[in-house]
Amino acid sequence: MRKLTEAEQNKIKLLTKNQVSLTLIEPTETGLKKSIMDATGPVRSFLKSENIHDYDLQKQGPDYKVVIPTIIHTGFKTKKSKASLYRPLTKNGDPRIWFYSLTEVTEANDIIAITYFDDNFQVFNLTKLDIETLINSSIQNPFQDLVRAINTTENEVAFELLTLLRKIAGAGPVPSMVDADTSVGRTLETALGIDINSSKKPDYKGIELKSFRNSRTNRKNLFAQVPDWKLSKFKSSAEILNAFGYDRQDDFKLYCTVSAITRNSQGLNLRIDSDIKQLIENSDKSEVGDFVVWTLDKLHSRLREKHKETFWVEAESTRINNREHFQYKLVEHTRKPITSQFDLLIDQGIITLDHLIKRNSKGRVVEKGPLFKIKPKGIELLFPPSESYSLI
């Protein structure tokens, strides 16, 4: 796809601000004449991530063509259409997409935006459509209605959760559930009626909750993810523990932080190999060297899954009658992490990894991680501009 103009980039920024997720495609002159376009990698990824269509599961040939209703936006009017998604029998079944009547609203090398709402593709010519005027128009129009409907739908759960948090905060300091570092999060989730479990899914109707004490500048948890054991020299957390663990009271454990900018006291560090798209953990022991790996694709997937939408809840900690209490005060609301920044922030030591492995007196090995954590200053680098809400 060609480089976007500054005007096209500004239109995308405005749509992103209004919670409109989209993908882009550039019809060629040949494609318009033949009524055919390649479903490029970004288009395929968008359709798959939004659970619209997965070309990887689609068989080749006309019998397996998928047709999806489509609305083409032309400004103050719309045109009903349909999209065909298919893989031809020729050319290795390269994925194709076409929107009927597209030639009526576009010329070669215009940028076409594709979003999905109300069981329809919603398609418009990003190059030619005056996005800002339509959204802000005093005259109601279909495009304005679409953006407002998407914005309302995207924010519905967030506003619901924000109302609940303000109700909890308004009742005053909440007694801690347990005497532990994790109590600030566990206490809030209990107050919200959320079951405490180890699920990898977001906490509240698709929104992840991350709570922290405002008196601390500790790193914040992003997600937990074990290495790809099939690609790693070591095949289990027990092997990592055996190689680098130490005795503490009744346990044999490895509790440590691993960074890409320095080796820790166990001689461990991280390294990104962009050529093979892997994050590698290395030991300075010559007989060990590189011992576990994560594929960057998997880490990016976990980041998108866990933090598609997140409430970072700040609490003030006080002690009342010798028991910790939490006054929840502020929320930072982030959406859609920039996965390409994840790799950079690891390289810069802003995102690090924590091992939390131990073997107890009964010989059982327990792994609470590995946890990927981010320094507070990294939040604004990993996510697009966020919204902040006061709870009291």
Protein backbone atom coordinates (compact mmCIF):
# COMPACT_ATOMS: atom_id res chain seq x y z
CA MET A 1 0.00 0.00 0.00
CA ARG A 2 1.24 3.50 -0.79
CA LYS A 3 2.30 5.95 1.90
CA LEU A 4 -0.67 7.75 3.46
CA THR A 5 -0.94 11.49 3.03
CA GLU A 6 -1.00 13.73 6.09
CA ALA A 7 -4.72 14.36 5.50
CA GLU A 8 -5.43 10.61 5.41
CA GLN A 9 -3.42 10.07 8.58
CA ASN A 10 -5.39 12.81 10.34
CA LYS A 11 -8.66 11.18 9.30
CA ILE A 12 -7.52 7.87 10.80
CA LYS A 13 -6.52 9.63 14.04
CA LEU A 14 -9.99 11.18 14.27
CA LEU A 15 -11.66 7.81 13.66
CA THR A 16 -9.39 6.10 16.20
CA LYS A 17 -10.30 8.78 18.74
CA ASN A 18 -13.93 7.79 18.16
CA GLN A 19 -13.13 4.06 18.77
CA VAL A 20 -13.56 3.08 15.10
CA SER A 21 -11.37 0.05 14.35
CA LEU A 22 -10.59 -0.33 10.68
CA THR A 23 -8.29 -1.71 8.05
CA LEU A 24 -7.19 -0.19 4.76
CA ILE A 25 -6.86 -1.40 1.21
CA GLU A 26 -5.63 0.30 -1.98
CA PRO A 27 -7.40 -0.74 -5.18
CA THR A 28 -5.18 -0.76 -8.26
CA GLU A 29 -6.27 0.22 -11.73
CA THR A 30 -6.11 -3.43 -12.81
CA GLY A 31 -8.04 -4.52 -9.74
CA LEU A 32 -10.84 -2.04 -10.40
CA LYS A 33 -11.12 -3.16 -14.01
CA LYS A 34 -11.22 -6.85 -13.05
CA SER A 35 -13.30 -6.35 -9.88
CA ILE A 36 -10.71 -8.08 -7.73
CA MET A 37 -8.39 -7.10 -4.86
CA ASP A 38 -5.81 -9.03 -2.89
CA ALA A 39 -6.80 -9.49 0.74
CA THR A 40 -3.49 -8.22 2.09
CA GLY A 41 -1.92 -9.31 5.38
CA PRO A 42 -3.33 -6.36 7.36
CA VAL A 43 -6.81 -6.99 5.93
CA ARG A 44 -6.65 -10.70 6.77
CA SER A 45 -5.39 -9.94 10.29
CA PHE A 46 -8.19 -7.44 10.88
CA LEU A 47 -10.88 -9.85 9.70
CA LYS A 48 -9.48 -12.63 11.84
CA SER A 49 -8.95 -10.56 14.99
CA GLU A 50 -12.48 -9.13 14.75
CA ASN A 51 -13.92 -12.66 14.27
CA ILE A 52 -15.34 -11.72 10.87
CA HIS A 53 -13.55 -14.18 8.59
CA ASP A 54 -10.51 -16.46 8.69
CA TYR A 55 -8.96 -17.09 5.28
CA ASP A 56 -6.75 -19.81 6.80
CA LEU A 57 -9.85 -21.95 7.28
CA GLN A 58 -11.38 -21.20 3.89
CA LYS A 59 -11.12 -23.76 1.11
CA GLN A 60 -10.29 -22.85 -2.48
CA GLY A 61 -12.84 -22.48 -5.25
CA PRO A 62 -16.14 -20.72 -5.97
CA ASP A 63 -18.17 -23.17 -3.90
CA TYR A 64 -16.53 -21.81 -0.74
CA LYS A 65 -16.96 -18.12 -1.47
CA VAL A 66 -18.25 -16.13 1.54
CA VAL A 67 -20.61 -13.19 0.93
CA ILE A 68 -21.06 -10.50 3.58
CA PRO A 69 -23.59 -7.62 3.37
CA THR A 70 -21.92 -4.25 2.96
CA ILE A 71 -22.86 -0.59 3.24
CA ILE A 72 -20.81 1.87 1.20
CA HIS A 73 -20.75 5.36 2.68
CA THR A 74 -20.62 8.27 0.25
CA GLY A 75 -21.17 11.11 2.73
CA PHE A 76 -24.80 12.08 3.25
CA LYS A 77 -25.93 8.91 1.49
CA THR A 78 -25.19 5.20 1.59
CA LYS A 79 -25.38 2.41 -0.93
CA LYS A 80 -26.26 -1.19 -0.10
CA SER A 81 -23.74 -3.64 -1.48
CA LYS A 82 -22.05 -6.92 -0.64
CA ALA A 83 -18.53 -8.25 -0.30
CA SER A 84 -17.17 -11.52 -1.62
CA LEU A 85 -14.30 -13.23 0.20
CA TYR A 86 -12.74 -16.18 -1.54
CA ARG A 87 -9.64 -18.12 -2.49
CA PRO A 88 -9.36 -18.99 -6.19
CA LEU A 89 -8.30 -22.38 -7.48
CA THR A 90 -5.35 -20.73 -9.24
CA LYS A 91 -2.32 -18.85 -7.86
CA ASN A 92 -2.06 -20.97 -4.71
CA GLY A 93 -5.46 -19.76 -3.58
CA ASP A 94 -4.21 -16.28 -2.66
CA PRO A 95 -6.98 -14.62 -0.60
CA ARG A 96 -9.21 -12.19 -2.51
CA ILE A 97 -11.81 -9.63 -1.55
CA TRP A 98 -14.18 -7.48 -3.57
CA PHE A 99 -16.91 -4.96 -2.76
CA TYR A 100 -19.60 -4.70 -5.40
CA SER A 101 -20.20 -1.13 -6.69
CA LEU A 102 -16.82 -0.03 -5.34
CA THR A 103 -15.89 1.38 -8.75
CA GLU A 104 -18.68 3.94 -8.36
CA VAL A 105 -16.95 5.62 -5.42
CA THR A 106 -13.23 5.13 -5.96
CA GLU A 107 -10.38 5.61 -8.38
CA ALA A 108 -7.13 3.68 -8.62
CA ASN A 109 -4.82 4.22 -5.63
CA ASP A 110 -7.46 5.80 -3.41
CA ILE A 111 -7.35 4.40 0.11
CA ILE A 112 -10.48 2.47 1.06
CA ALA A 113 -11.34 2.04 4.76
CA ILE A 114 -13.12 -1.10 5.97
CA THR A 115 -14.79 -1.47 9.34
CA TYR A 116 -17.50 -3.84 10.58
CA PHE A 117 -20.62 -2.93 12.52
CA ASP A 118 -24.22 -4.16 12.82
CA ASP A 119 -23.42 -7.37 10.88
CA ASN A 120 -22.27 -5.37 7.85
CA PHE A 121 -19.01 -4.23 6.37
CA GLN A 122 -19.02 -0.44 6.50
CA VAL A 123 -16.86 0.83 3.65
CA PHE A 124 -15.82 4.34 2.64
CA ASN A 125 -13.25 6.16 0.54
CA LEU A 126 -10.84 7.53 3.13
CA THR A 127 -9.05 9.63 0.52
CA LYS A 128 -12.13 11.50 -0.70
CA LEU A 129 -14.61 11.49 2.18
CA ASP A 130 -14.58 14.62 4.39
CA ILE A 131 -14.54 12.69 7.68
CA GLU A 132 -14.31 15.64 10.07
CA THR A 133 -17.11 17.60 8.43
CA LEU A 134 -19.43 14.59 8.42
CA ILE A 135 -18.78 13.69 12.07
CA ASN A 136 -19.23 17.27 13.28
CA SER A 137 -22.06 18.25 10.95
CA SER A 138 -25.17 19.87 12.41
CA ILE A 139 -27.06 17.94 9.73
CA GLN A 140 -27.58 14.32 10.71
CA ASN A 141 -26.03 11.91 8.23
CA PRO A 142 -25.42 8.14 7.96
CA PHE A 143 -21.68 8.37 8.52
CA GLN A 144 -22.14 10.45 11.66
CA ASP A 145 -24.73 7.94 12.89
CA LEU A 146 -22.28 5.09 12.26
CA VAL A 147 -19.42 6.69 14.18
CA ARG A 148 -21.65 7.63 17.10
CA ALA A 149 -23.15 4.14 17.25
CA ILE A 150 -19.70 2.52 17.25
CA ASN A 151 -18.46 4.96 19.88
CA THR A 152 -21.47 4.30 22.11
CA THR A 153 -21.17 0.52 21.73
CA GLU A 154 -17.42 0.54 22.39
CA ASN A 155 -17.84 2.66 25.53
CA GLU A 156 -20.96 1.00 26.95
CA VAL A 157 -19.16 -1.53 29.16
CA ALA A 158 -16.50 1.02 30.14
CA PHE A 159 -19.13 3.46 31.41
CA GLU A 160 -20.89 0.62 33.24
CA LEU A 161 -17.64 -0.37 34.98
CA LEU A 162 -16.77 3.25 35.73
CA THR A 163 -20.15 3.71 37.45
CA LEU A 164 -19.50 0.65 39.64
CA LEU A 165 -16.01 1.86 40.54
CA ARG A 166 -17.31 5.28 41.52
CA LYS A 167 -19.92 3.64 43.74
CA ILE A 168 -17.19 1.60 45.50
CA ALA A 169 -14.94 4.65 45.83
CA GLY A 170 -17.81 6.76 47.13
CA ALA A 171 -18.35 4.37 50.04
CA GLY A 172 -14.90 5.20 51.40
CA PRO A 173 -11.80 3.07 52.13
CA VAL A 174 -12.32 -0.66 51.52
CA PRO A 175 -10.78 -3.17 54.00
CA SER A 176 -8.09 -5.31 52.45
CA MET A 177 -9.04 -8.92 51.73
CA VAL A 178 -5.59 -10.27 52.56
CA ASP A 179 -2.29 -8.98 53.88
CA ALA A 180 -0.28 -9.19 50.64
CA ASP A 181 1.03 -7.12 47.75
CA THR A 182 -1.74 -8.50 45.54
CA SER A 183 -4.50 -7.43 47.94
CA VAL A 184 -5.14 -4.10 46.18
CA GLY A 185 -6.36 -5.96 43.10
CA ARG A 186 -8.03 -8.85 44.88
CA THR A 187 -9.97 -6.48 47.13
CA LEU A 188 -11.30 -4.47 44.20
CA GLU A 189 -12.28 -7.54 42.18
CA THR A 190 -14.11 -8.96 45.22
CA ALA A 191 -15.96 -5.65 45.68
CA LEU A 192 -17.01 -5.87 42.03
CA GLY A 193 -18.19 -9.46 42.45
CA ILE A 194 -15.48 -10.88 40.18
CA ASP A 195 -14.30 -14.40 40.94
CA ILE A 196 -10.61 -14.63 41.81
CA ASN A 197 -9.09 -17.11 39.38
CA SER A 198 -6.13 -17.63 37.10
CA SER A 199 -8.03 -17.11 33.84
CA LYS A 200 -6.08 -15.47 31.04
CA LYS A 201 -9.21 -13.64 29.91
CA PRO A 202 -9.89 -9.98 30.85
CA ASP A 203 -11.65 -9.45 34.18
CA TYR A 204 -14.87 -7.51 33.51
CA LYS A 205 -16.83 -8.11 30.29
CA GLY A 206 -13.71 -7.80 28.15
CA ILE A 207 -12.00 -5.11 30.25
CA GLU A 208 -8.83 -6.00 32.14
CA LEU A 209 -8.47 -4.53 35.65
CA LYS A 210 -5.03 -3.62 36.99
CA SER A 211 -4.92 -2.05 40.46
CA PHE A 212 -1.93 -0.51 42.21
CA ARG A 213 -1.06 1.58 45.27
CA ASN A 214 -0.36 5.21 44.42
CA SER A 215 2.50 5.44 46.93
CA ARG A 216 4.58 3.03 44.87
CA THR A 217 6.36 3.32 41.56
CA ASN A 218 6.49 -0.42 41.06
CA ARG A 219 6.27 -2.03 37.66
CA LYS A 220 2.80 -3.05 36.56
CA ASN A 221 1.85 -6.57 35.45
CA LEU A 222 1.07 -6.96 31.77
CA PHE A 223 0.53 -10.72 31.50
CA ALA A 224 1.99 -14.12 32.32
CA GLN A 225 3.31 -16.37 29.56
CA VAL A 226 5.41 -19.54 29.75
CA PRO A 227 8.13 -20.05 27.10
CA ASP A 228 7.63 -22.11 23.98
CA TRP A 229 9.05 -25.33 25.41
CA LYS A 230 9.19 -27.01 22.01
CA LEU A 231 11.62 -24.36 20.75
CA SER A 232 13.57 -24.09 24.02
CA LYS A 233 16.64 -25.95 25.29
CA PHE A 234 15.02 -26.27 28.72
CA LYS A 235 11.65 -28.01 28.66
CA SER A 236 10.09 -26.95 31.97
CA SER A 237 10.12 -24.43 34.79
CA ALA A 238 11.69 -27.14 36.96
CA GLU A 239 14.77 -27.17 34.70
CA ILE A 240 15.10 -23.38 35.01
CA LEU A 241 14.80 -23.68 38.79
CA ASN A 242 17.38 -26.47 38.96
CA ALA A 243 19.88 -24.41 36.97
CA PHE A 244 19.51 -21.04 38.71
CA GLY A 245 17.56 -21.52 41.96
CA TYR A 246 18.66 -20.92 45.55
CA ASP A 247 17.57 -21.93 49.07
CA ARG A 248 15.30 -19.61 51.04
CA GLN A 249 13.90 -20.90 54.35
CA ASP A 250 11.95 -24.07 53.54
CA ASP A 251 11.84 -23.47 49.77
CA PHE A 252 14.20 -23.77 46.85
CA LYS A 253 13.25 -20.85 44.61
CA LEU A 254 14.07 -18.50 41.76
CA TYR A 255 12.47 -15.12 42.29
CA CYS A 256 14.22 -12.61 40.03
CA THR A 257 13.78 -9.92 37.38
CA VAL A 258 15.34 -10.39 33.94
CA SER A 259 16.06 -7.45 31.64
CA ALA A 260 17.50 -6.87 28.18
CA ILE A 261 19.83 -4.08 29.30
CA THR A 262 21.77 -5.84 32.08
CA ARG A 263 22.41 -9.27 33.55
CA ASN A 264 20.93 -10.01 36.95
CA SER A 265 22.75 -11.66 39.85
CA GLN A 266 21.91 -15.09 38.41
CA GLY A 267 23.63 -14.12 35.16
CA LEU A 268 20.40 -13.98 33.16
CA ASN A 269 19.32 -11.50 30.51
CA LEU A 270 16.90 -11.13 27.60
CA ARG A 271 17.57 -10.62 23.90
CA ILE A 272 15.26 -10.02 20.96
CA ASP A 273 16.16 -11.63 17.65
CA SER A 274 14.04 -9.76 15.10
CA ASP A 275 15.16 -11.97 12.22
CA ILE A 276 13.53 -15.08 13.69
CA LYS A 277 10.92 -13.14 15.71
CA GLN A 278 11.90 -14.54 19.09
CA LEU A 279 12.55 -13.29 22.61
CA ILE A 280 15.43 -15.30 24.03
CA GLU A 281 16.57 -15.74 27.63
CA ASN A 282 20.28 -16.31 28.02
CA SER A 283 22.62 -17.41 30.81
CA ASP A 284 26.24 -16.34 31.14
CA LYS A 285 27.06 -19.96 31.97
CA SER A 286 28.81 -21.20 28.84
CA GLU A 287 27.34 -24.67 29.22
CA VAL A 288 23.80 -23.19 29.23
CA GLY A 289 23.74 -20.14 26.93
CA ASP A 290 20.31 -19.55 25.36
CA PHE A 291 17.90 -21.75 27.29
CA VAL A 292 14.29 -20.62 26.68
CA VAL A 293 12.49 -18.68 23.94
CA TRP A 294 9.15 -17.02 23.30
CA THR A 295 7.88 -16.28 19.82
CA LEU A 296 7.14 -12.59 19.40
CA ASP A 297 3.90 -13.50 17.63
CA LYS A 298 2.69 -15.29 20.77
CA LEU A 299 3.70 -12.42 23.06
CA HIS A 300 1.98 -9.89 20.79
CA SER A 301 -1.13 -12.06 20.75
CA ARG A 302 -1.19 -12.29 24.56
CA LEU A 303 -0.76 -8.52 24.84
CA ARG A 304 -3.64 -7.85 22.45
CA GLU A 305 -5.82 -10.48 24.17
CA LYS A 306 -5.15 -9.29 27.71
CA HIS A 307 -5.09 -5.55 27.12
CA LYS A 308 -7.50 -4.87 24.30
CA GLU A 309 -9.07 -2.58 26.88
CA THR A 310 -7.71 -1.96 30.39
CA PHE A 311 -8.61 0.04 33.50
CA TRP A 312 -5.47 0.89 35.50
CA VAL A 313 -6.94 1.71 38.92
CA GLU A 314 -4.92 3.78 41.38
CA ALA A 315 -5.61 3.36 45.12
CA GLU A 316 -4.47 5.21 48.22
CA SER A 317 -3.40 2.83 50.97
CA THR A 318 -4.10 3.63 54.61
CA ARG A 319 -4.10 1.59 57.81
CA ILE A 320 -7.24 1.64 59.95
CA ASN A 321 -7.30 -0.42 63.17
CA ASN A 322 -4.07 -2.06 62.05
CA ARG A 323 -5.61 -3.26 58.78
CA GLU A 324 -4.79 -1.97 55.31
CA HIS A 325 -7.63 -0.16 53.52
CA PHE A 326 -7.86 1.05 49.93
CA GLN A 327 -9.40 4.26 48.70
CA TYR A 328 -9.72 3.81 44.95
CA LYS A 329 -9.18 7.22 43.40
CA LEU A 330 -8.23 7.31 39.70
CA VAL A 331 -8.60 5.26 36.53
CA GLU A 332 -6.43 5.36 33.44
CA HIS A 333 -8.33 3.82 30.54
CA THR A 334 -6.19 2.34 27.75
CA ARG A 335 -7.12 0.51 24.55
CA LYS A 336 -5.43 -1.47 21.80
CA PRO A 337 -1.72 -1.72 22.61
CA ILE A 338 0.80 -0.97 19.89
CA THR A 339 2.44 -4.39 19.59
CA SER A 340 5.44 -3.10 17.64
CA GLN A 341 6.32 -0.98 20.68
CA PHE A 342 6.42 -4.08 22.89
CA ASP A 343 9.68 -5.26 21.30
CA LEU A 344 11.26 -1.81 21.59
CA LEU A 345 10.29 -1.48 25.26
CA ILE A 346 11.89 -4.86 26.03
CA ASP A 347 15.07 -3.72 24.29
CA GLN A 348 15.01 -0.55 26.41
CA GLY A 349 14.50 -2.43 29.67
CA ILE A 350 11.12 -0.79 30.21
CA ILE A 351 9.35 -4.13 29.91
CA THR A 352 11.02 -6.88 31.95
CA LEU A 353 10.33 -10.46 32.96
CA ASP A 354 9.94 -11.91 36.47
CA HIS A 355 10.55 -15.55 37.31
CA LEU A 356 8.50 -16.72 40.30
CA ILE A 357 9.41 -20.39 40.62
CA LYS A 358 9.81 -22.46 43.76
CA ARG A 359 9.96 -26.04 44.94
CA ASN A 360 8.27 -26.48 48.29
CA SER A 361 9.10 -28.91 51.07
CA LYS A 362 6.96 -31.57 49.39
CA GLY A 363 9.03 -31.38 46.22
CA ARG A 364 6.33 -29.71 44.13
CA VAL A 365 7.45 -27.03 41.65
CA VAL A 366 5.14 -24.02 41.41
CA GLU A 367 5.46 -21.30 38.73
CA LYS A 368 3.49 -18.04 39.13
CA GLY A 369 4.96 -16.52 35.99
CA PRO A 370 6.90 -15.76 34.02
CA LEU A 371 5.36 -12.33 34.43
CA PHE A 372 5.95 -9.61 31.89
CA LYS A 373 5.93 -6.25 33.67
CA ILE A 374 6.15 -2.65 32.53
CA LYS A 375 7.59 0.40 34.29
CA PRO A 376 5.01 3.14 34.91
CA LYS A 377 6.52 5.47 32.29
CA GLY A 378 6.07 2.78 29.66
CA ILE A 379 2.26 2.77 29.71
CA GLU A 380 2.02 5.87 27.52
CA LEU A 381 4.54 4.36 25.11
CA LEU A 382 2.77 1.02 24.74
CA PHE A 383 -0.77 2.36 24.30
CA PRO A 384 -2.38 5.15 22.25
CA PRO A 385 -3.42 8.26 24.22
CA SER A 386 -5.57 7.18 27.16
CA GLU A 387 -8.52 8.64 29.07
CA SER A 388 -8.30 9.39 32.79
CA TYR A 389 -11.26 9.42 35.17
CA SER A 390 -11.54 10.56 38.77
CA LEU A 391 -13.48 8.18 41.04
CA ILE A 392 -14.13 10.60 43.88
